[in-house]
Amino acid sequence: MIPDDDAIDVGLCLARGLFEEIGSSSFDGIGFTRDAYGEGEHLAHTTVTSAARTLGLSVAVDAALNLSMVLPGQNPEAPRLVIGSHLDSVPRGGNFDGLAGVLAGLATAAAFRAADISPERDLVIMALRAEESAWFGAQHIGSRALLGTLNEAILHHSSRVDTGRSLADHMARSGVDLQRLRSGRPLIDPQRIAAYLELHIEQGPQLVTSGVPLGIVTGIRGNRRCRKAICIGEYGHSGTVPRSLRHDAVFAVSELITAIDQYWREAEESDGSDLVITFGRFLTDAASHGITTVPGQVEFSFDIRSHSVSMLERTEARLFSLMETISAKRRVTFTCDPLTGDPPAAMDTALCDLLADGCATLGTAALPIASGAGHDAGDFANAGVPSAMIFLRNDKGSHNPDESMDFVDFAAGTRLMTWFVANFPPGAH
């Protein structure tokens, strides 16, 4: 049985109030800041916990402080259906990134409560910790701790951008069981999860451009990243050093970027290869640069993303090959911090088909769409848990205060999620 519209409206009313309450408590005058393992994230977790208890859900936190809110099902021995997302935000971000997924899960649980219907299996709403990489330079900390894939070195070598204190220190002050995390053992048995479903705002323009409210995510791009690369040349007087004798770091990095842009264009035009490349940081030393100075150093970053592992590998190889060629040509030196990365993650085909069936039944338009951003769902998928994602149309981009999710679209996504829970195959997993 599926909750009727009146019951779903009860859940939507709850979600609307929580959006306002959490948004009000985390608004910093410019945007919304819910700092990972800090006060903002803690306040959001406290608010959501209170709402879950009001609904009569059982509430628990694990060693990493991931929050689980459980609506009991008819068959408690069956593997659980998990709905999850995160409550932290980037500094001065929007109010919907992450939060929408947790509140859609709570709204779904509230709808089942209001209709006095028990799902076939336990429904677990998860609020996962520290998904955003903006705070510690490491992403999906909560889900990776949960799944036993969190690198222990991150605990001590990652420091928070605003405090300078280590992730381990912030975790300890928040009440995390660091000894348990250091064991590297999962905090949950993935075999006990029948499926993981995450609702999230789209962080790009495709749904808005297409005029479609919902997206069914087909996969999540993997990435190769370098947070800090440096090109070292030689400072000189802009009026006295001829071109042939210059060691110009800006021209060297600019040539690298132009060559990679051409490589990207050719990859797309030749066979439609999936690839996006970003040089997100590009800066000269403020203490040394000047209008009459040949720049001797440039610091930059790069972020390569694709659904193809081979494309990631080829692009990384091309980038370093170009660095070597340009180094010799322009008499500069490139150095790079160790690259980090995540593998691509495919969403479960059967779950995507079930979501498509739900959209057809509910008369809601949906677009198959690939995710360029990383999500906790990717970690679940790569841990062997069947996973799926619903995207919501969101204007004005993401990671900024202007995120503009329409509540009508949130309602459509919540109705689809409720239908999905009610129609999830009893014998699955």
Protein backbone atom coordinates (compact mmCIF):
# COMPACT_ATOMS: atom_id res chain seq x y z
CA MET A 1 0.00 0.00 0.00
CA ILE A 2 1.08 3.55 -0.71
CA PRO A 3 0.20 6.58 1.44
CA ASP A 4 -2.45 8.81 -0.12
CA ASP A 5 -2.02 12.47 -0.99
CA ASP A 6 -3.31 13.66 2.39
CA ALA A 7 -0.70 11.57 4.19
CA ILE A 8 2.06 12.77 1.86
CA ASP A 9 0.96 16.36 2.49
CA VAL A 10 1.58 15.76 6.21
CA GLY A 11 5.16 14.82 5.40
CA LEU A 12 5.59 17.79 3.08
CA CYS A 13 4.32 20.16 5.77
CA LEU A 14 6.90 18.73 8.17
CA ALA A 15 9.68 19.19 5.60
CA ARG A 16 8.70 22.77 4.82
CA GLY A 17 8.91 23.69 8.50
CA LEU A 18 12.30 21.98 8.88
CA PHE A 19 13.70 23.77 5.83
CA GLU A 20 12.74 27.07 7.47
CA GLU A 21 13.98 26.15 10.95
CA ILE A 22 17.34 24.74 9.85
CA GLY A 23 17.82 27.50 7.30
CA SER A 24 17.16 30.16 9.94
CA SER A 25 19.62 28.63 12.42
CA SER A 26 22.39 28.30 9.81
CA PHE A 27 22.01 31.60 7.92
CA ASP A 28 25.17 33.67 8.47
CA GLY A 29 23.98 36.92 6.91
CA ILE A 30 25.15 36.02 3.42
CA GLY A 31 24.51 32.30 2.94
CA PHE A 32 23.92 29.10 4.85
CA THR A 33 26.84 27.62 6.77
CA ARG A 34 26.61 24.21 8.41
CA ASP A 35 30.23 23.40 9.21
CA ALA A 36 31.23 19.73 9.19
CA TYR A 37 31.85 18.40 12.69
CA GLY A 38 31.05 21.88 13.93
CA GLU A 39 28.21 23.87 15.43
CA GLY A 40 26.19 24.33 12.24
CA GLU A 41 26.09 20.63 11.35
CA HIS A 42 25.43 19.77 15.00
CA LEU A 43 22.42 22.10 15.20
CA ALA A 44 20.95 20.61 12.03
CA HIS A 45 21.38 17.08 13.38
CA THR A 46 19.74 18.10 16.66
CA THR A 47 16.74 19.58 14.84
CA VAL A 48 16.30 16.54 12.60
CA THR A 49 16.67 14.16 15.56
CA SER A 50 13.90 15.97 17.42
CA ALA A 51 11.58 15.74 14.40
CA ALA A 52 12.30 12.01 14.01
CA ARG A 53 11.50 11.33 17.65
CA THR A 54 8.25 13.28 17.31
CA LEU A 55 7.35 10.89 14.47
CA GLY A 56 8.05 7.93 16.72
CA LEU A 57 11.13 6.81 14.79
CA SER A 58 13.94 5.08 16.65
CA VAL A 59 17.09 7.16 16.60
CA ALA A 60 20.76 6.13 16.85
CA VAL A 61 24.20 7.50 15.99
CA ASP A 62 27.23 5.43 15.04
CA ALA A 63 30.89 5.93 15.95
CA ALA A 64 31.27 8.65 13.28
CA LEU A 65 28.05 10.38 14.47
CA ASN A 66 26.09 9.46 11.36
CA LEU A 67 22.43 9.66 12.34
CA SER A 68 19.97 6.80 11.63
CA MET A 69 16.22 7.29 12.03
CA VAL A 70 14.29 4.05 11.63
CA LEU A 71 10.65 3.44 10.67
CA PRO A 72 10.04 -0.24 11.53
CA GLY A 73 8.85 -2.47 8.73
CA GLN A 74 6.72 -5.58 8.65
CA ASN A 75 9.75 -7.82 8.24
CA PRO A 76 12.56 -6.58 10.52
CA GLU A 77 14.81 -9.47 9.46
CA ALA A 78 14.85 -8.35 5.83
CA PRO A 79 17.72 -6.14 4.62
CA ARG A 80 16.86 -2.51 5.18
CA LEU A 81 15.97 0.17 2.69
CA VAL A 82 18.13 3.25 3.33
CA ILE A 83 17.34 6.82 2.31
CA GLY A 84 20.19 9.19 2.98
CA SER A 85 22.08 12.40 2.34
CA HIS A 86 24.02 14.98 4.36
CA LEU A 87 23.29 18.05 6.48
CA ASP A 88 26.59 19.93 6.22
CA SER A 89 27.01 22.70 3.66
CA VAL A 90 29.89 24.54 2.08
CA PRO A 91 30.70 27.89 3.74
CA ARG A 92 28.01 30.39 2.81
CA GLY A 93 26.28 27.89 0.55
CA GLY A 94 22.63 27.23 -0.18
CA ASN A 95 19.96 25.74 2.04
CA PHE A 96 19.04 22.73 -0.12
CA ASP A 97 22.27 20.89 -0.97
CA GLY A 98 22.13 17.71 1.14
CA LEU A 99 19.32 18.92 3.39
CA ALA A 100 16.66 18.22 0.74
CA GLY A 101 17.58 14.52 0.67
CA VAL A 102 17.33 14.02 4.43
CA LEU A 103 14.05 15.95 4.68
CA ALA A 104 12.52 14.05 1.74
CA GLY A 105 13.31 10.85 3.64
CA LEU A 106 11.69 12.19 6.81
CA ALA A 107 8.68 13.39 4.81
CA THR A 108 8.34 9.88 3.34
CA ALA A 109 8.47 8.32 6.82
CA ALA A 110 5.92 10.87 8.06
CA ALA A 111 3.59 9.97 5.18
CA PHE A 112 3.69 6.29 6.12
CA ARG A 113 3.02 7.21 9.75
CA ALA A 114 0.10 9.48 8.82
CA ALA A 115 -1.41 6.74 6.64
CA ASP A 116 -0.82 4.13 9.37
CA ILE A 117 1.03 1.93 6.88
CA SER A 118 4.14 -0.05 7.68
CA PRO A 119 6.61 -0.59 4.84
CA GLU A 120 7.53 -4.17 3.98
CA ARG A 121 11.01 -3.76 5.52
CA ASP A 122 12.67 -1.30 7.90
CA LEU A 123 13.09 2.15 6.37
CA VAL A 124 16.23 3.93 7.57
CA ILE A 125 16.64 7.67 7.07
CA MET A 126 20.33 8.57 7.34
CA ALA A 127 21.89 11.97 7.90
CA LEU A 128 25.51 11.38 6.98
CA ARG A 129 28.31 13.50 8.36
CA ALA A 130 30.83 15.74 6.58
CA GLU A 131 30.00 15.07 2.93
CA GLU A 132 31.41 18.36 1.65
CA SER A 133 35.14 18.52 0.89
CA ALA A 134 35.21 22.27 1.50
CA TRP A 135 35.97 21.92 5.20
CA PHE A 136 38.72 19.30 5.47
CA GLY A 137 39.78 18.72 1.87
CA ALA A 138 38.35 15.20 2.17
CA GLN A 139 34.85 14.36 1.05
CA HIS A 140 32.18 11.89 2.15
CA ILE A 141 33.85 11.39 5.52
CA GLY A 142 30.73 10.07 7.24
CA SER A 143 29.71 7.59 4.57
CA ARG A 144 33.27 6.32 4.16
CA ALA A 145 33.61 5.81 7.90
CA LEU A 146 30.28 3.97 7.80
CA LEU A 147 31.42 1.70 4.98
CA GLY A 148 34.96 1.15 6.26
CA THR A 149 36.67 2.99 3.39
CA LEU A 150 37.90 6.08 5.25
CA ASN A 151 41.67 6.36 5.00
CA GLU A 152 43.05 6.69 8.55
CA ALA A 153 45.69 9.17 7.36
CA ILE A 154 42.91 11.64 6.60
CA LEU A 155 42.04 11.83 10.28
CA HIS A 156 45.36 13.41 11.20
CA HIS A 157 46.60 15.02 8.00
CA SER A 158 43.40 16.85 7.06
CA SER A 159 42.85 20.16 8.82
CA ARG A 160 39.77 22.35 8.72
CA VAL A 161 40.15 25.44 6.59
CA ASP A 162 38.81 27.91 9.16
CA THR A 163 40.29 26.55 12.39
CA GLY A 164 43.48 24.83 11.23
CA ARG A 165 42.71 21.96 13.61
CA SER A 166 42.84 18.37 12.40
CA LEU A 167 39.83 16.31 11.43
CA ALA A 168 40.65 13.97 14.33
CA ASP A 169 40.56 16.90 16.76
CA HIS A 170 37.20 18.15 15.47
CA MET A 171 35.81 14.62 15.59
CA ALA A 172 37.05 14.03 19.15
CA ARG A 173 35.51 17.29 20.36
CA SER A 174 32.22 16.26 18.74
CA GLY A 175 32.19 12.87 20.45
CA VAL A 176 33.38 10.60 17.64
CA ASP A 177 34.81 7.21 18.66
CA LEU A 178 38.19 7.63 16.95
CA GLN A 179 39.49 4.28 18.12
CA ARG A 180 36.60 2.54 16.38
CA LEU A 181 37.22 4.49 13.17
CA ARG A 182 40.93 3.69 13.22
CA SER A 183 40.10 -0.02 13.08
CA GLY A 184 38.93 0.46 9.49
CA ARG A 185 36.01 -1.88 10.00
CA PRO A 186 32.61 -0.85 8.58
CA LEU A 187 30.16 0.63 11.05
CA ILE A 188 27.37 -1.18 9.25
CA ASP A 189 27.10 -4.47 7.38
CA PRO A 190 26.53 -3.53 3.70
CA GLN A 191 24.84 -6.91 3.22
CA ARG A 192 22.08 -5.70 5.54
CA ILE A 193 21.20 -2.88 3.11
CA ALA A 194 18.76 -3.84 0.35
CA ALA A 195 19.22 -0.53 -1.45
CA TYR A 196 20.36 3.05 -0.91
CA LEU A 197 18.32 5.94 -2.34
CA GLU A 198 19.40 9.58 -2.28
CA LEU A 199 17.42 12.62 -3.37
CA HIS A 200 19.53 15.68 -4.17
CA ILE A 201 19.24 18.96 -6.00
CA GLU A 202 20.88 18.90 -9.39
CA GLN A 203 23.97 21.05 -9.15
CA GLY A 204 23.98 21.87 -12.85
CA PRO A 205 21.60 23.41 -15.40
CA GLN A 206 20.29 20.42 -17.37
CA LEU A 207 16.88 19.98 -15.72
CA VAL A 208 16.20 23.71 -15.68
CA THR A 209 17.21 24.00 -19.33
CA SER A 210 15.07 20.98 -20.28
CA GLY A 211 12.07 22.18 -18.28
CA VAL A 212 11.87 18.84 -16.44
CA PRO A 213 11.37 18.69 -12.65
CA LEU A 214 13.13 15.41 -11.86
CA GLY A 215 16.17 13.48 -12.98
CA ILE A 216 16.97 9.79 -12.57
CA VAL A 217 20.72 9.56 -12.11
CA THR A 218 22.47 6.96 -14.26
CA GLY A 219 25.94 7.29 -12.75
CA ILE A 220 28.40 9.51 -10.92
CA ARG A 221 31.62 10.72 -12.50
CA GLY A 222 34.92 9.64 -11.02
CA ASN A 223 37.72 12.14 -10.65
CA ARG A 224 41.44 12.82 -10.48
CA ARG A 225 42.35 15.94 -8.51
CA CYS A 226 45.41 17.91 -7.53
CA ARG A 227 44.68 20.57 -4.95
CA LYS A 228 48.08 22.22 -5.24
CA ALA A 229 50.35 22.26 -8.28
CA ILE A 230 53.17 24.79 -8.71
CA CYS A 231 55.01 26.02 -11.77
CA ILE A 232 58.36 27.54 -10.82
CA GLY A 233 60.10 29.82 -13.30
CA GLU A 234 62.26 32.86 -12.69
CA TYR A 235 61.31 36.41 -11.77
CA GLY A 236 62.65 39.16 -13.98
CA HIS A 237 62.11 42.72 -15.19
CA SER A 238 59.27 42.90 -17.70
CA GLY A 239 61.08 45.47 -19.83
CA THR A 240 64.57 43.98 -19.96
CA VAL A 241 64.25 40.19 -20.31
CA PRO A 242 63.64 39.10 -23.93
CA ARG A 243 61.27 36.30 -24.78
CA SER A 244 64.05 33.85 -25.57
CA LEU A 245 65.55 34.19 -22.08
CA ARG A 246 62.39 34.23 -20.02
CA HIS A 247 61.26 31.56 -17.54
CA ASP A 248 57.68 32.84 -17.42
CA ALA A 249 55.46 30.72 -15.14
CA VAL A 250 52.20 32.35 -16.25
CA PHE A 251 52.82 31.68 -19.94
CA ALA A 252 53.84 28.11 -19.09
CA VAL A 253 50.69 27.31 -17.13
CA SER A 254 48.55 29.15 -19.67
CA GLU A 255 50.05 26.97 -22.43
CA LEU A 256 49.28 23.89 -20.36
CA ILE A 257 45.66 24.94 -19.89
CA THR A 258 45.21 25.83 -23.57
CA ALA A 259 46.65 22.48 -24.66
CA ILE A 260 44.39 20.56 -22.26
CA ASP A 261 41.38 22.52 -23.49
CA GLN A 262 42.23 21.45 -27.04
CA TYR A 263 42.65 17.84 -25.91
CA TRP A 264 39.23 18.01 -24.21
CA ARG A 265 37.60 19.44 -27.35
CA GLU A 266 39.13 16.73 -29.54
CA ALA A 267 38.02 13.97 -27.15
CA GLU A 268 34.43 15.22 -27.30
CA GLU A 269 34.40 15.71 -31.06
CA SER A 270 36.04 12.39 -31.93
CA ASP A 271 33.78 9.99 -30.06
CA GLY A 272 31.68 11.98 -27.59
CA SER A 273 33.89 10.95 -24.68
CA ASP A 274 32.58 11.92 -21.26
CA LEU A 275 35.06 14.36 -19.76
CA VAL A 276 35.13 17.62 -17.80
CA ILE A 277 38.30 19.44 -16.74
CA THR A 278 38.64 22.42 -14.42
CA PHE A 279 41.59 24.52 -13.31
CA GLY A 280 39.85 25.97 -10.29
CA ARG A 281 42.77 27.85 -8.71
CA PHE A 282 45.29 29.99 -10.61
CA LEU A 283 47.33 32.49 -8.64
CA THR A 284 50.65 34.27 -8.56
CA ASP A 285 52.42 35.22 -5.33
CA ALA A 286 50.95 38.52 -4.11
CA ALA A 287 54.19 39.34 -2.32
CA SER A 288 56.24 39.07 -5.51
CA HIS A 289 54.09 39.70 -8.56
CA GLY A 290 53.66 43.05 -10.19
CA ILE A 291 52.78 44.77 -13.43
CA THR A 292 56.45 45.16 -14.34
CA THR A 293 57.61 41.72 -13.15
CA VAL A 294 57.97 38.54 -15.18
CA PRO A 295 56.10 36.03 -12.97
CA GLY A 296 58.36 33.38 -11.49
CA GLN A 297 55.74 31.20 -9.81
CA VAL A 298 52.14 30.14 -10.36
CA GLU A 299 50.10 27.93 -8.06
CA PHE A 300 47.09 26.14 -9.53
CA SER A 301 44.76 23.16 -9.11
CA PHE A 302 43.11 20.77 -11.53
CA ASP A 303 40.07 18.53 -11.39
CA ILE A 304 39.49 15.86 -14.08
CA ARG A 305 36.15 14.00 -14.11
CA SER A 306 34.69 11.26 -16.28
CA HIS A 307 32.44 8.21 -16.17
CA SER A 308 35.29 6.27 -17.80
CA VAL A 309 38.27 5.02 -15.81
CA SER A 310 40.34 4.79 -18.99
CA MET A 311 39.51 8.39 -19.89
CA LEU A 312 40.61 9.53 -16.43
CA GLU A 313 43.87 7.64 -16.84
CA ARG A 314 44.50 8.94 -20.38
CA THR A 315 43.80 12.53 -19.40
CA GLU A 316 46.05 12.34 -16.35
CA ALA A 317 48.84 10.90 -18.53
CA ARG A 318 48.37 13.65 -21.15
CA LEU A 319 48.47 16.34 -18.49
CA PHE A 320 51.79 15.17 -17.08
CA SER A 321 53.22 14.62 -20.55
CA LEU A 322 52.37 18.22 -21.44
CA MET A 323 53.98 19.45 -18.22
CA GLU A 324 57.20 17.69 -19.20
CA THR A 325 57.16 19.15 -22.72
CA ILE A 326 56.38 22.68 -21.56
CA SER A 327 59.00 22.48 -18.80
CA ALA A 328 61.71 21.88 -21.38
CA LYS A 329 60.32 24.44 -23.83
CA ARG A 330 59.88 27.30 -21.37
CA ARG A 331 62.59 26.38 -18.85
CA VAL A 332 60.26 26.00 -15.87
CA THR A 333 59.56 23.24 -13.36
CA PHE A 334 56.17 21.74 -12.45
CA THR A 335 55.53 20.10 -9.07
CA CYS A 336 52.26 18.53 -7.95
CA ASP A 337 50.90 17.32 -4.64
CA PRO A 338 49.80 13.68 -4.73
CA LEU A 339 46.64 13.26 -6.76
CA THR A 340 43.46 12.15 -5.04
CA GLY A 341 40.49 10.58 -6.74
CA ASP A 342 37.35 8.53 -6.68
CA PRO A 343 36.30 5.87 -9.18
CA PRO A 344 33.15 6.35 -11.26
CA ALA A 345 30.02 4.86 -9.74
CA ALA A 346 27.17 3.30 -11.71
CA MET A 347 23.66 3.48 -10.34
CA ASP A 348 21.72 0.22 -10.17
CA THR A 349 19.79 -0.37 -13.41
CA ALA A 350 16.87 -2.14 -11.73
CA LEU A 351 16.42 0.69 -9.24
CA CYS A 352 16.57 3.27 -12.03
CA ASP A 353 13.90 1.32 -13.91
CA LEU A 354 11.74 1.25 -10.78
CA LEU A 355 12.05 5.01 -10.42
CA ALA A 356 11.13 5.43 -14.09
CA ASP A 357 8.05 3.24 -13.53
CA GLY A 358 7.13 5.46 -10.59
CA CYS A 359 7.41 8.61 -12.69
CA ALA A 360 5.19 7.05 -15.37
CA THR A 361 2.61 6.00 -12.77
CA LEU A 362 2.59 9.41 -11.08
CA GLY A 363 2.59 11.32 -14.38
CA THR A 364 5.82 13.12 -13.53
CA ALA A 365 8.37 13.93 -16.21
CA ALA A 366 11.92 12.77 -15.50
CA LEU A 367 15.17 12.91 -17.42
CA PRO A 368 17.93 10.28 -17.30
CA ILE A 369 20.94 12.26 -16.18
CA ALA A 370 24.56 11.71 -15.20
CA SER A 371 25.93 13.35 -12.09
CA GLY A 372 29.09 15.37 -12.48
CA ALA A 373 29.35 15.99 -8.74
CA GLY A 374 30.21 13.35 -6.17
CA HIS A 375 27.63 12.09 -3.69
CA ASP A 376 27.43 9.63 -0.81
CA ALA A 377 25.46 7.37 -3.17
CA GLY A 378 28.68 6.75 -5.09
CA ASP A 379 30.37 5.36 -1.99
CA PHE A 380 27.45 3.03 -1.31
CA ALA A 381 27.43 1.87 -4.93
CA ASN A 382 31.17 1.19 -4.94
CA ALA A 383 30.77 -0.75 -1.68
CA GLY A 384 28.40 -3.13 -3.47
CA VAL A 385 25.11 -1.64 -2.26
CA PRO A 386 22.47 -1.24 -5.02
CA SER A 387 22.06 2.54 -5.21
CA ALA A 388 19.96 5.14 -6.98
CA MET A 389 19.50 8.90 -6.99
CA ILE A 390 16.68 11.32 -7.71
CA PHE A 391 17.72 14.79 -8.88
CA LEU A 392 15.54 17.86 -8.34
CA ARG A 393 15.52 20.79 -10.71
CA ASN A 394 17.47 23.64 -9.12
CA ASP A 395 18.06 27.05 -10.63
CA LYS A 396 21.04 29.33 -9.92
CA GLY A 397 23.55 26.50 -9.50
CA SER A 398 24.75 25.15 -6.18
CA HIS A 399 27.30 25.80 -3.44
CA ASN A 400 26.04 29.38 -3.28
CA PRO A 401 23.23 31.17 -1.38
CA ASP A 402 21.11 31.46 -4.52
CA GLU A 403 20.23 27.75 -4.78
CA SER A 404 16.64 27.93 -5.97
CA MET A 405 14.87 24.59 -5.55
CA ASP A 406 11.12 24.97 -6.04
CA PHE A 407 9.10 23.28 -3.29
CA VAL A 408 6.72 21.97 -5.96
CA ASP A 409 9.63 19.98 -7.39
CA PHE A 410 10.61 18.83 -3.90
CA ALA A 411 7.02 17.59 -3.45
CA ALA A 412 7.23 15.68 -6.76
CA GLY A 413 10.49 14.07 -5.67
CA THR A 414 9.05 13.13 -2.29
CA ARG A 415 5.98 11.56 -3.90
CA LEU A 416 8.27 9.53 -6.15
CA MET A 417 10.33 8.46 -3.14
CA THR A 418 7.19 7.42 -1.24
CA TRP A 419 6.00 5.42 -4.26
CA PHE A 420 9.43 3.80 -4.53
CA VAL A 421 9.38 2.67 -0.89
CA ALA A 422 5.85 1.29 -1.22
CA ASN A 423 6.69 -0.59 -4.43
CA PHE A 424 10.18 -1.82 -3.59
CA PRO A 425 10.18 -5.57 -4.38
CA PRO A 426 9.60 -7.61 -1.22
CA GLY A 427 12.08 -10.28 -2.24
CA ALA A 428 14.89 -7.89 -3.24
CA HIS A 429 18.31 -8.76 -1.79
